[in-house]
Amino acid sequence: MTISIKLYFSFCFTTILMSCQAQNIYTKNKTMSTTKNNNPIYSTTDTNKVVMKEEEWKEILTPEQYYIARQKGTERPGSSKFENFKEQGTYYCAACGNPLFVSDTKFESGCGWPSFFAPFQKSSLIYTPDFSHGMNRTEVQCARCKAHVGHVFEDGPKPTGLRYCINGAILNFEKKPEEKSKLFFRE
């Protein structure tokens, strides 16, 4: 009986230890930021198109970002830190730094993902038909690097009537300096 108790506790300890190590690896990958430090193409001012091989994207994006941006995946609804985020500033493509949205166009849609009624500029996004999963939708991609960021629907608020339903995992945010004036949709 004593040996079986020792084996049981040894098994439990080993399982817990392995679980902690796996959690540390997952957390490290999940929280890795795609910033200038580890992403050579990330720039909030460069407008040059980005063309890279999939292997290169895997090196600079987290697994979740790669799944969303390059494989047209979707994060779980309600999982984005930006869904109920209230800070004022600009949302950038986490893959390349292209400005995509400003907080003045963000609204609470209740859909489970961050929602915006207009892009930073019309030229910030590429629009493509998406008939996947038996649906008829319009996919939105970053115009600089062609990362999949989400979809746009025609059930949003005025003034555009659009709802950009965006994966928060492929967004970076920069707080607006206080001296800047309120930003709105630009041509």
C-alpha atoms as a PDB file:
ATOM      1  CA  MET A   1       0.000   0.000   0.000  1.00  0.00           C
ATOM      2  CA  THR A   2       2.831   2.402   0.819  1.00  0.00           C
ATOM      3  CA  ILE A   3       4.450   1.820  -2.550  1.00  0.00           C
ATOM      4  CA  SER A   4       1.189   2.528  -4.404  1.00  0.00           C
ATOM      5  CA  ILE A   5       0.717   5.787  -2.476  1.00  0.00           C
ATOM      6  CA  LYS A   6       4.276   6.826  -3.327  1.00  0.00           C
ATOM      7  CA  LEU A   7       3.688   5.958  -6.980  1.00  0.00           C
ATOM      8  CA  TYR A   8       0.417   7.890  -6.957  1.00  0.00           C
ATOM      9  CA  PHE A   9       2.024  11.034  -5.488  1.00  0.00           C
ATOM     10  CA  SER A  10       5.009  10.675  -7.812  1.00  0.00           C
ATOM     11  CA  PHE A  11       2.648  10.452 -10.790  1.00  0.00           C
ATOM     12  CA  CYS A  12       0.661  13.502  -9.589  1.00  0.00           C
ATOM     13  CA  PHE A  13       3.819  15.538  -9.022  1.00  0.00           C
ATOM     14  CA  THR A  14       5.204  14.628 -12.445  1.00  0.00           C
ATOM     15  CA  THR A  15       1.889  15.469 -14.130  1.00  0.00           C
ATOM     16  CA  ILE A  16       1.692  18.835 -12.389  1.00  0.00           C
ATOM     17  CA  LEU A  17       5.303  19.644 -13.233  1.00  0.00           C
ATOM     18  CA  MET A  18       4.799  18.750 -16.909  1.00  0.00           C
ATOM     19  CA  SER A  19       1.591  20.770 -16.996  1.00  0.00           C
ATOM     20  CA  CYS A  20       3.379  23.837 -15.592  1.00  0.00           C
ATOM     21  CA  GLN A  21       6.167  23.500 -18.136  1.00  0.00           C
ATOM     22  CA  ALA A  22       3.660  23.177 -20.967  1.00  0.00           C
ATOM     23  CA  GLN A  23       1.768  26.213 -19.658  1.00  0.00           C
ATOM     24  CA  ASN A  24       4.997  28.251 -19.576  1.00  0.00           C
ATOM     25  CA  ILE A  25       5.736  27.336 -23.188  1.00  0.00           C
ATOM     26  CA  TYR A  26       2.159  28.190 -24.215  1.00  0.00           C
ATOM     27  CA  THR A  27       2.222  31.483 -22.338  1.00  0.00           C
ATOM     28  CA  LYS A  28       5.581  32.435 -23.836  1.00  0.00           C
ATOM     29  CA  ASN A  29       4.289  31.864 -27.367  1.00  0.00           C
ATOM     30  CA  LYS A  30       0.908  33.432 -26.714  1.00  0.00           C
ATOM     31  CA  THR A  31       2.271  36.653 -25.233  1.00  0.00           C
ATOM     32  CA  MET A  32       5.166  37.135 -27.627  1.00  0.00           C
ATOM     33  CA  SER A  33       4.632  40.514 -29.238  1.00  0.00           C
ATOM     34  CA  THR A  34       5.174  41.130 -32.911  1.00  0.00           C
ATOM     35  CA  THR A  35       6.984  44.408 -32.529  1.00  0.00           C
ATOM     36  CA  LYS A  36      10.094  45.943 -34.017  1.00  0.00           C
ATOM     37  CA  ASN A  37      12.169  43.802 -31.626  1.00  0.00           C
ATOM     38  CA  ASN A  38      11.394  40.463 -33.260  1.00  0.00           C
ATOM     39  CA  ASN A  39       9.668  41.425 -36.507  1.00  0.00           C
ATOM     40  CA  PRO A  40      11.915  43.093 -39.101  1.00  0.00           C
ATOM     41  CA  ILE A  41       9.011  44.218 -41.320  1.00  0.00           C
ATOM     42  CA  TYR A  42       6.857  45.712 -38.541  1.00  0.00           C
ATOM     43  CA  SER A  43       6.435  49.445 -39.123  1.00  0.00           C
ATOM     44  CA  THR A  44       3.569  51.813 -38.376  1.00  0.00           C
ATOM     45  CA  THR A  45       4.787  54.233 -41.071  1.00  0.00           C
ATOM     46  CA  ASP A  46       6.094  52.065 -43.956  1.00  0.00           C
ATOM     47  CA  THR A  47       3.529  51.663 -46.745  1.00  0.00           C
ATOM     48  CA  ASN A  48       5.527  49.267 -48.938  1.00  0.00           C
ATOM     49  CA  LYS A  49       3.796  45.963 -49.638  1.00  0.00           C
ATOM     50  CA  VAL A  50       5.137  42.977 -47.710  1.00  0.00           C
ATOM     51  CA  VAL A  51       5.711  39.683 -49.512  1.00  0.00           C
ATOM     52  CA  MET A  52       7.207  36.859 -47.485  1.00  0.00           C
ATOM     53  CA  LYS A  53       7.332  33.073 -47.549  1.00  0.00           C
ATOM     54  CA  GLU A  54       5.122  31.162 -45.113  1.00  0.00           C
ATOM     55  CA  GLU A  55       8.197  29.892 -43.257  1.00  0.00           C
ATOM     56  CA  GLU A  56       9.234  33.500 -42.599  1.00  0.00           C
ATOM     57  CA  TRP A  57       5.753  34.365 -41.261  1.00  0.00           C
ATOM     58  CA  LYS A  58       5.938  31.375 -38.903  1.00  0.00           C
ATOM     59  CA  GLU A  59       9.179  32.777 -37.485  1.00  0.00           C
ATOM     60  CA  ILE A  60       7.778  36.213 -36.592  1.00  0.00           C
ATOM     61  CA  LEU A  61       4.132  35.517 -35.676  1.00  0.00           C
ATOM     62  CA  THR A  62       2.787  33.664 -32.667  1.00  0.00           C
ATOM     63  CA  PRO A  63       1.029  30.382 -33.496  1.00  0.00           C
ATOM     64  CA  GLU A  64      -2.381  32.031 -32.959  1.00  0.00           C
ATOM     65  CA  GLN A  65      -1.474  35.026 -35.122  1.00  0.00           C
ATOM     66  CA  TYR A  66      -0.161  32.750 -37.859  1.00  0.00           C
ATOM     67  CA  TYR A  67      -3.360  30.663 -37.768  1.00  0.00           C
ATOM     68  CA  ILE A  68      -5.526  33.777 -38.121  1.00  0.00           C
ATOM     69  CA  ALA A  69      -3.401  35.904 -40.463  1.00  0.00           C
ATOM     70  CA  ARG A  70      -2.026  33.301 -42.837  1.00  0.00           C
ATOM     71  CA  GLN A  71      -4.525  30.421 -42.579  1.00  0.00           C
ATOM     72  CA  LYS A  72      -7.662  32.606 -42.374  1.00  0.00           C
ATOM     73  CA  GLY A  73      -8.522  31.324 -38.915  1.00  0.00           C
ATOM     74  CA  THR A  74     -10.716  32.888 -36.255  1.00  0.00           C
ATOM     75  CA  GLU A  75     -10.119  33.363 -32.562  1.00  0.00           C
ATOM     76  CA  ARG A  76     -12.722  32.142 -30.078  1.00  0.00           C
ATOM     77  CA  PRO A  77     -15.556  34.649 -29.565  1.00  0.00           C
ATOM     78  CA  GLY A  78     -15.106  36.685 -26.397  1.00  0.00           C
ATOM     79  CA  SER A  79     -11.391  35.843 -26.128  1.00  0.00           C
ATOM     80  CA  SER A  80      -9.934  39.122 -27.408  1.00  0.00           C
ATOM     81  CA  LYS A  81      -8.577  41.665 -24.944  1.00  0.00           C
ATOM     82  CA  PHE A  82      -9.785  44.318 -27.402  1.00  0.00           C
ATOM     83  CA  GLU A  83     -13.457  43.292 -27.464  1.00  0.00           C
ATOM     84  CA  ASN A  84     -14.448  45.596 -24.567  1.00  0.00           C
ATOM     85  CA  PHE A  85     -11.308  47.748 -24.714  1.00  0.00           C
ATOM     86  CA  LYS A  86     -11.963  51.486 -24.195  1.00  0.00           C
ATOM     87  CA  GLU A  87      -8.567  53.203 -24.667  1.00  0.00           C
ATOM     88  CA  GLN A  88      -8.242  55.905 -27.326  1.00  0.00           C
ATOM     89  CA  GLY A  89      -5.709  55.291 -30.075  1.00  0.00           C
ATOM     90  CA  THR A  90      -4.898  53.351 -33.220  1.00  0.00           C
ATOM     91  CA  TYR A  91      -5.163  49.629 -33.974  1.00  0.00           C
ATOM     92  CA  TYR A  92      -2.413  48.231 -36.207  1.00  0.00           C
ATOM     93  CA  CYS A  93      -1.929  44.955 -38.051  1.00  0.00           C
ATOM     94  CA  ALA A  94       0.125  42.826 -35.654  1.00  0.00           C
ATOM     95  CA  ALA A  95       1.843  41.153 -38.602  1.00  0.00           C
ATOM     96  CA  CYS A  96       3.213  44.273 -40.325  1.00  0.00           C
ATOM     97  CA  GLY A  97       2.233  47.449 -38.408  1.00  0.00           C
ATOM     98  CA  ASN A  98      -0.166  48.841 -41.016  1.00  0.00           C
ATOM     99  CA  PRO A  99      -2.754  51.157 -39.378  1.00  0.00           C
ATOM    100  CA  LEU A 100      -6.172  49.476 -39.674  1.00  0.00           C
ATOM    101  CA  PHE A 101      -8.653  51.198 -37.330  1.00  0.00           C
ATOM    102  CA  VAL A 102      -8.942  54.026 -34.798  1.00  0.00           C
ATOM    103  CA  SER A 103     -10.786  53.818 -31.512  1.00  0.00           C
ATOM    104  CA  ASP A 104     -13.243  56.532 -32.576  1.00  0.00           C
ATOM    105  CA  THR A 105     -14.752  54.012 -35.020  1.00  0.00           C
ATOM    106  CA  LYS A 106     -14.956  51.145 -32.489  1.00  0.00           C
ATOM    107  CA  PHE A 107     -18.321  50.112 -31.083  1.00  0.00           C
ATOM    108  CA  GLU A 108     -19.804  47.313 -28.989  1.00  0.00           C
ATOM    109  CA  SER A 109     -21.643  44.992 -31.350  1.00  0.00           C
ATOM    110  CA  GLY A 110     -22.085  42.058 -28.987  1.00  0.00           C
ATOM    111  CA  CYS A 111     -20.777  39.661 -31.645  1.00  0.00           C
ATOM    112  CA  GLY A 112     -17.824  38.444 -29.547  1.00  0.00           C
ATOM    113  CA  TRP A 113     -15.080  40.205 -31.515  1.00  0.00           C
ATOM    114  CA  PRO A 114     -13.808  43.798 -31.640  1.00  0.00           C
ATOM    115  CA  SER A 115     -16.028  45.759 -34.039  1.00  0.00           C
ATOM    116  CA  PHE A 116     -15.434  48.944 -36.002  1.00  0.00           C
ATOM    117  CA  PHE A 117     -17.671  50.885 -38.407  1.00  0.00           C
ATOM    118  CA  ALA A 118     -14.848  52.198 -40.639  1.00  0.00           C
ATOM    119  CA  PRO A 119     -11.192  51.444 -41.414  1.00  0.00           C
ATOM    120  CA  PHE A 120      -8.314  53.837 -40.737  1.00  0.00           C
ATOM    121  CA  GLN A 121      -8.294  54.622 -44.478  1.00  0.00           C
ATOM    122  CA  LYS A 122     -10.122  52.986 -47.354  1.00  0.00           C
ATOM    123  CA  SER A 123      -6.733  51.828 -48.599  1.00  0.00           C
ATOM    124  CA  SER A 124      -5.883  50.114 -45.265  1.00  0.00           C
ATOM    125  CA  LEU A 125      -7.830  46.983 -46.180  1.00  0.00           C
ATOM    126  CA  ILE A 126      -8.405  44.612 -49.087  1.00  0.00           C
ATOM    127  CA  TYR A 127     -11.906  43.195 -49.577  1.00  0.00           C
ATOM    128  CA  THR A 128     -12.415  39.705 -51.018  1.00  0.00           C
ATOM    129  CA  PRO A 129     -15.471  37.454 -51.366  1.00  0.00           C
ATOM    130  CA  ASP A 130     -15.501  34.574 -48.855  1.00  0.00           C
ATOM    131  CA  PHE A 131     -17.801  31.615 -49.465  1.00  0.00           C
ATOM    132  CA  SER A 132     -16.170  29.320 -46.895  1.00  0.00           C
ATOM    133  CA  HIS A 133     -18.244  27.342 -44.380  1.00  0.00           C
ATOM    134  CA  GLY A 134     -21.325  27.663 -46.613  1.00  0.00           C
ATOM    135  CA  MET A 135     -21.596  31.422 -45.992  1.00  0.00           C
ATOM    136  CA  ASN A 136     -21.492  34.451 -48.257  1.00  0.00           C
ATOM    137  CA  ARG A 137     -19.239  37.009 -46.535  1.00  0.00           C
ATOM    138  CA  THR A 138     -16.672  39.662 -47.346  1.00  0.00           C
ATOM    139  CA  GLU A 139     -13.216  38.975 -45.957  1.00  0.00           C
ATOM    140  CA  VAL A 140     -10.990  41.886 -44.949  1.00  0.00           C
ATOM    141  CA  GLN A 141      -7.219  41.626 -45.204  1.00  0.00           C
ATOM    142  CA  CYS A 142      -4.433  44.028 -44.332  1.00  0.00           C
ATOM    143  CA  ALA A 143      -3.590  45.903 -47.532  1.00  0.00           C
ATOM    144  CA  ARG A 144       0.131  45.913 -46.731  1.00  0.00           C
ATOM    145  CA  CYS A 145       0.781  42.231 -45.929  1.00  0.00           C
ATOM    146  CA  LYS A 146      -2.499  40.513 -46.918  1.00  0.00           C
ATOM    147  CA  ALA A 147      -3.023  39.132 -43.415  1.00  0.00           C
ATOM    148  CA  HIS A 148      -6.565  37.937 -42.805  1.00  0.00           C
ATOM    149  CA  VAL A 149      -7.999  40.187 -40.076  1.00  0.00           C
ATOM    150  CA  GLY A 150     -11.722  39.382 -40.180  1.00  0.00           C
ATOM    151  CA  HIS A 151     -14.916  40.121 -42.096  1.00  0.00           C
ATOM    152  CA  VAL A 152     -17.145  43.103 -42.824  1.00  0.00           C
ATOM    153  CA  PHE A 153     -20.948  42.976 -42.620  1.00  0.00           C
ATOM    154  CA  GLU A 154     -23.658  45.457 -43.576  1.00  0.00           C
ATOM    155  CA  ASP A 155     -25.358  45.557 -40.172  1.00  0.00           C
ATOM    156  CA  GLY A 156     -23.285  48.228 -38.432  1.00  0.00           C
ATOM    157  CA  PRO A 157     -24.145  51.664 -37.051  1.00  0.00           C
ATOM    158  CA  LYS A 158     -24.247  54.991 -38.858  1.00  0.00           C
ATOM    159  CA  PRO A 159     -22.564  56.718 -40.537  1.00  0.00           C
ATOM    160  CA  THR A 160     -21.331  53.744 -42.639  1.00  0.00           C
ATOM    161  CA  GLY A 161     -23.772  50.963 -41.735  1.00  0.00           C
ATOM    162  CA  LEU A 162     -20.801  48.578 -41.704  1.00  0.00           C
ATOM    163  CA  ARG A 163     -19.537  46.244 -38.982  1.00  0.00           C
ATOM    164  CA  TYR A 164     -15.913  45.202 -39.310  1.00  0.00           C
ATOM    165  CA  CYS A 165     -15.740  42.068 -37.154  1.00  0.00           C
ATOM    166  CA  ILE A 166     -12.004  41.750 -36.422  1.00  0.00           C
ATOM    167  CA  ASN A 167      -9.805  39.140 -34.746  1.00  0.00           C
ATOM    168  CA  GLY A 168      -8.156  40.948 -31.840  1.00  0.00           C
ATOM    169  CA  ALA A 169      -5.181  38.556 -31.851  1.00  0.00           C
ATOM    170  CA  ILE A 170      -3.987  40.096 -35.117  1.00  0.00           C
ATOM    171  CA  LEU A 171      -4.207  43.655 -33.757  1.00  0.00           C
ATOM    172  CA  ASN A 172      -1.664  45.779 -31.936  1.00  0.00           C
ATOM    173  CA  PHE A 173      -2.759  48.974 -30.216  1.00  0.00           C
ATOM    174  CA  GLU A 174      -0.987  52.273 -29.666  1.00  0.00           C
ATOM    175  CA  LYS A 175      -2.531  54.744 -27.257  1.00  0.00           C
ATOM    176  CA  LYS A 176      -3.295  58.146 -28.726  1.00  0.00           C
ATOM    177  CA  PRO A 177      -1.192  60.989 -27.345  1.00  0.00           C
ATOM    178  CA  GLU A 178      -3.390  63.522 -25.569  1.00  0.00           C
ATOM    179  CA  GLU A 179      -2.460  66.402 -27.915  1.00  0.00           C
ATOM    180  CA  LYS A 180      -3.871  64.682 -31.015  1.00  0.00           C
ATOM    181  CA  SER A 181      -7.372  65.612 -32.069  1.00  0.00           C
ATOM    182  CA  LYS A 182     -10.165  63.104 -32.434  1.00  0.00           C
ATOM    183  CA  LEU A 183      -9.684  60.876 -35.493  1.00  0.00           C
ATOM    184  CA  PHE A 184     -12.449  59.850 -37.858  1.00  0.00           C
ATOM    185  CA  PHE A 185     -12.762  57.942 -41.104  1.00  0.00           C
ATOM    186  CA  ARG A 186     -10.417  59.218 -43.818  1.00  0.00           C
ATOM    187  CA  GLU A 187     -10.521  58.844 -47.582  1.00  0.00           C
END
